Amino acid sequence: MLAKMFTDHPRAVHETYAEHFGVAARFGLSLIGAGIACLVHAVVPGVFVTRGSDTVCRLYSDMVEHRRHRLRLSDEESA
């Protein structure tokens, strides 16, 4: 059961554990950076005006493109 916690989700998104770790860690660090920028923006509204929304948009786009790429690879392997 413990092993499934490390393999089921990466497999479901067509990634190895290491690939998933890298993607998730990059997303997490990007969100932490954006969150800090948003907190600074809350105090000084003239700085980091679009950092939070820009980060969310970029990460969403990256996630969608990554998913499409993985699905194409999966379809090619199945054919």
N, C-alpha and C. Protein backbone atom coordinates (compact mmCIF):
# COMPACT_ATOMS: atom_id res chain seq x y z
N MET A 1 0.83 -1.20 0.00
CA MET A 1 0.00 0.00 0.00
C MET A 1 0.87 1.26 0.00
N LEU A 2 1.93 1.27 0.77
CA LEU A 2 2.80 2.44 0.82
C LEU A 2 3.42 2.70 -0.55
N ALA A 3 3.83 1.64 -1.23
CA ALA A 3 4.42 1.80 -2.55
C ALA A 3 3.43 2.44 -3.52
N LYS A 4 2.17 2.10 -3.41
CA LYS A 4 1.14 2.66 -4.30
C LYS A 4 1.04 4.18 -4.15
N MET A 5 1.31 4.68 -2.96
CA MET A 5 1.26 6.13 -2.74
C MET A 5 2.32 6.84 -3.57
N PHE A 6 3.38 6.14 -3.91
CA PHE A 6 4.48 6.73 -4.66
C PHE A 6 4.41 6.44 -6.16
N THR A 7 3.55 5.51 -6.55
CA THR A 7 3.55 5.11 -7.96
C THR A 7 2.24 5.34 -8.69
N ASP A 8 1.11 5.23 -8.02
CA ASP A 8 -0.18 5.31 -8.71
C ASP A 8 -0.41 6.63 -9.43
N HIS A 9 -0.25 7.73 -8.74
CA HIS A 9 -0.52 9.02 -9.38
C HIS A 9 0.49 9.33 -10.49
N PRO A 10 1.79 9.19 -10.27
CA PRO A 10 2.71 9.42 -11.39
C PRO A 10 2.37 8.56 -12.62
N ARG A 11 2.04 7.30 -12.39
CA ARG A 11 1.67 6.43 -13.50
C ARG A 11 0.41 6.95 -14.19
N ALA A 12 -0.55 7.44 -13.42
CA ALA A 12 -1.80 7.94 -13.99
C ALA A 12 -1.58 9.16 -14.89
N VAL A 13 -0.54 9.92 -14.61
CA VAL A 13 -0.23 11.09 -15.45
C VAL A 13 0.94 10.81 -16.39
N HIS A 14 1.22 9.51 -16.58
CA HIS A 14 2.22 9.05 -17.55
C HIS A 14 3.62 9.59 -17.25
N GLU A 15 4.00 9.53 -15.97
CA GLU A 15 5.33 9.96 -15.54
C GLU A 15 5.94 8.90 -14.65
N THR A 16 7.25 8.90 -14.59
CA THR A 16 7.93 8.10 -13.58
C THR A 16 7.86 8.89 -12.27
N TYR A 17 8.25 8.24 -11.19
CA TYR A 17 8.29 8.95 -9.91
C TYR A 17 9.24 10.13 -10.00
N ALA A 18 10.43 9.92 -10.59
CA ALA A 18 11.42 11.00 -10.67
C ALA A 18 10.92 12.16 -11.53
N GLU A 19 10.28 11.86 -12.65
CA GLU A 19 9.72 12.92 -13.49
C GLU A 19 8.66 13.71 -12.73
N HIS A 20 7.79 12.99 -12.05
CA HIS A 20 6.72 13.66 -11.29
C HIS A 20 7.30 14.51 -10.17
N PHE A 21 8.31 13.99 -9.50
CA PHE A 21 8.97 14.75 -8.43
C PHE A 21 9.49 16.08 -8.97
N GLY A 22 10.17 16.03 -10.11
CA GLY A 22 10.73 17.25 -10.69
C GLY A 22 9.67 18.26 -11.06
N VAL A 23 8.62 17.80 -11.71
CA VAL A 23 7.54 18.70 -12.13
C VAL A 23 6.84 19.30 -10.90
N ALA A 24 6.49 18.45 -9.96
CA ALA A 24 5.78 18.92 -8.76
C ALA A 24 6.65 19.87 -7.92
N ALA A 25 7.93 19.57 -7.81
CA ALA A 25 8.82 20.44 -7.04
C ALA A 25 8.96 21.81 -7.71
N ARG A 26 9.08 21.81 -9.05
CA ARG A 26 9.18 23.09 -9.77
C ARG A 26 7.90 23.90 -9.59
N PHE A 27 6.76 23.24 -9.70
CA PHE A 27 5.48 23.94 -9.49
C PHE A 27 5.42 24.51 -8.07
N GLY A 28 5.78 23.69 -7.10
CA GLY A 28 5.72 24.13 -5.71
C GLY A 28 6.61 25.33 -5.43
N LEU A 29 7.83 25.27 -5.93
CA LEU A 29 8.75 26.40 -5.72
C LEU A 29 8.26 27.65 -6.43
N SER A 30 7.70 27.48 -7.63
CA SER A 30 7.14 28.64 -8.35
C SER A 30 5.99 29.26 -7.57
N LEU A 31 5.14 28.41 -7.00
CA LEU A 31 4.00 28.93 -6.23
C LEU A 31 4.45 29.61 -4.93
N ILE A 32 5.48 29.07 -4.30
CA ILE A 32 6.01 29.72 -3.10
C ILE A 32 6.54 31.10 -3.46
N GLY A 33 7.32 31.19 -4.55
CA GLY A 33 7.83 32.49 -5.00
C GLY A 33 6.72 33.47 -5.31
N ALA A 34 5.69 32.98 -6.00
CA ALA A 34 4.55 33.85 -6.33
C ALA A 34 3.81 34.27 -5.07
N GLY A 35 3.70 33.36 -4.12
CA GLY A 35 3.02 33.68 -2.86
C GLY A 35 3.75 34.76 -2.08
N ILE A 36 5.06 34.65 -2.03
CA ILE A 36 5.86 35.68 -1.35
C ILE A 36 5.70 37.02 -2.07
N ALA A 37 5.73 36.98 -3.41
CA ALA A 37 5.53 38.22 -4.17
C ALA A 37 4.16 38.82 -3.88
N CYS A 38 3.14 37.99 -3.76
CA CYS A 38 1.79 38.49 -3.45
C CYS A 38 1.74 39.13 -2.06
N LEU A 39 2.44 38.53 -1.10
CA LEU A 39 2.47 39.11 0.25
C LEU A 39 3.18 40.46 0.24
N VAL A 40 4.28 40.56 -0.51
CA VAL A 40 4.96 41.85 -0.64
C VAL A 40 4.05 42.84 -1.35
N HIS A 41 3.36 42.40 -2.38
CA HIS A 41 2.43 43.24 -3.12
C HIS A 41 1.31 43.76 -2.20
N ALA A 42 0.89 42.94 -1.27
CA ALA A 42 -0.17 43.37 -0.34
C ALA A 42 0.29 44.57 0.48
N VAL A 43 1.58 44.59 0.84
CA VAL A 43 2.12 45.68 1.64
C VAL A 43 2.47 46.89 0.77
N VAL A 44 3.08 46.62 -0.39
CA VAL A 44 3.51 47.69 -1.31
C VAL A 44 2.85 47.40 -2.67
N PRO A 45 1.65 47.91 -2.90
CA PRO A 45 0.89 47.57 -4.10
C PRO A 45 1.58 47.88 -5.43
N GLY A 46 2.58 48.74 -5.42
CA GLY A 46 3.24 49.09 -6.67
C GLY A 46 4.28 48.09 -7.13
N VAL A 47 4.56 47.06 -6.33
CA VAL A 47 5.56 46.06 -6.74
C VAL A 47 4.87 44.71 -6.96
N PHE A 48 5.47 43.91 -7.81
CA PHE A 48 4.95 42.57 -8.13
C PHE A 48 3.46 42.63 -8.51
N VAL A 49 3.12 43.59 -9.34
CA VAL A 49 1.71 43.85 -9.68
C VAL A 49 1.06 42.64 -10.36
N THR A 50 1.78 41.96 -11.23
CA THR A 50 1.17 40.83 -11.95
C THR A 50 1.87 39.50 -11.67
N ARG A 51 2.79 39.47 -10.75
CA ARG A 51 3.59 38.26 -10.53
C ARG A 51 2.72 37.05 -10.18
N GLY A 52 1.79 37.20 -9.27
CA GLY A 52 0.94 36.07 -8.87
C GLY A 52 0.12 35.53 -10.03
N SER A 53 -0.60 36.40 -10.71
CA SER A 53 -1.44 35.95 -11.81
C SER A 53 -0.60 35.44 -12.98
N ASP A 54 0.53 36.08 -13.26
CA ASP A 54 1.41 35.60 -14.33
C ASP A 54 1.91 34.19 -14.03
N THR A 55 2.27 33.94 -12.79
CA THR A 55 2.76 32.62 -12.41
C THR A 55 1.68 31.57 -12.55
N VAL A 56 0.48 31.88 -12.08
CA VAL A 56 -0.63 30.92 -12.18
C VAL A 56 -0.93 30.61 -13.65
N CYS A 57 -0.98 31.63 -14.48
CA CYS A 57 -1.24 31.43 -15.92
C CYS A 57 -0.15 30.58 -16.56
N ARG A 58 1.11 30.87 -16.24
CA ARG A 58 2.23 30.12 -16.82
C ARG A 58 2.19 28.66 -16.37
N LEU A 59 1.96 28.45 -15.08
CA LEU A 59 1.92 27.08 -14.58
C LEU A 59 0.75 26.30 -15.17
N TYR A 60 -0.40 26.94 -15.31
CA TYR A 60 -1.54 26.27 -15.93
C TYR A 60 -1.22 25.88 -17.36
N SER A 61 -0.64 26.82 -18.11
CA SER A 61 -0.27 26.54 -19.50
C SER A 61 0.75 25.40 -19.56
N ASP A 62 1.76 25.45 -18.70
CA ASP A 62 2.76 24.38 -18.66
C ASP A 62 2.11 23.03 -18.35
N MET A 63 1.18 23.01 -17.41
CA MET A 63 0.52 21.77 -17.01
C MET A 63 -0.29 21.20 -18.17
N VAL A 64 -1.04 22.05 -18.86
CA VAL A 64 -1.87 21.59 -19.97
C VAL A 64 -0.99 21.07 -21.11
N GLU A 65 0.07 21.80 -21.44
CA GLU A 65 0.97 21.36 -22.51
C GLU A 65 1.69 20.07 -22.13
N HIS A 66 2.12 19.97 -20.88
CA HIS A 66 2.79 18.76 -20.40
C HIS A 66 1.84 17.56 -20.51
N ARG A 67 0.60 17.77 -20.11
CA ARG A 67 -0.41 16.69 -20.17
C ARG A 67 -0.63 16.26 -21.62
N ARG A 68 -0.77 17.23 -22.53
CA ARG A 68 -0.97 16.89 -23.95
C ARG A 68 0.22 16.11 -24.50
N HIS A 69 1.42 16.55 -24.14
CA HIS A 69 2.63 15.87 -24.61
C HIS A 69 2.66 14.43 -24.10
N ARG A 70 2.39 14.25 -22.82
CA ARG A 70 2.40 12.91 -22.23
C ARG A 70 1.33 12.02 -22.87
N LEU A 71 0.16 12.57 -23.14
CA LEU A 71 -0.91 11.77 -23.76
C LEU A 71 -0.53 11.39 -25.19
N ARG A 72 0.13 12.31 -25.93
CA ARG A 72 0.58 11.97 -27.28
C ARG A 72 1.60 10.84 -27.23
N LEU A 73 2.54 10.92 -26.29
CA LEU A 73 3.54 9.85 -26.16
C LEU A 73 2.86 8.53 -25.80
N SER A 74 1.89 8.58 -24.91
CA SER A 74 1.17 7.38 -24.50
C SER A 74 0.41 6.78 -25.69
N ASP A 75 -0.22 7.64 -26.49
CA ASP A 75 -0.95 7.16 -27.66
C ASP A 75 -0.01 6.53 -28.68
N GLU A 76 1.17 7.13 -28.86
CA GLU A 76 2.15 6.59 -29.80
C GLU A 76 2.67 5.24 -29.34
N GLU A 77 2.86 5.09 -28.03
CA GLU A 77 3.34 3.82 -27.49
C GLU A 77 2.29 2.73 -27.65
N SER A 78 1.02 3.12 -27.56
CA SER A 78 -0.06 2.14 -27.67
C SER A 78 -0.29 1.68 -29.10
N ALA A 79 0.09 2.53 -30.07
CA ALA A 79 -0.18 2.20 -31.48
C ALA A 79 0.77 1.18 -32.02
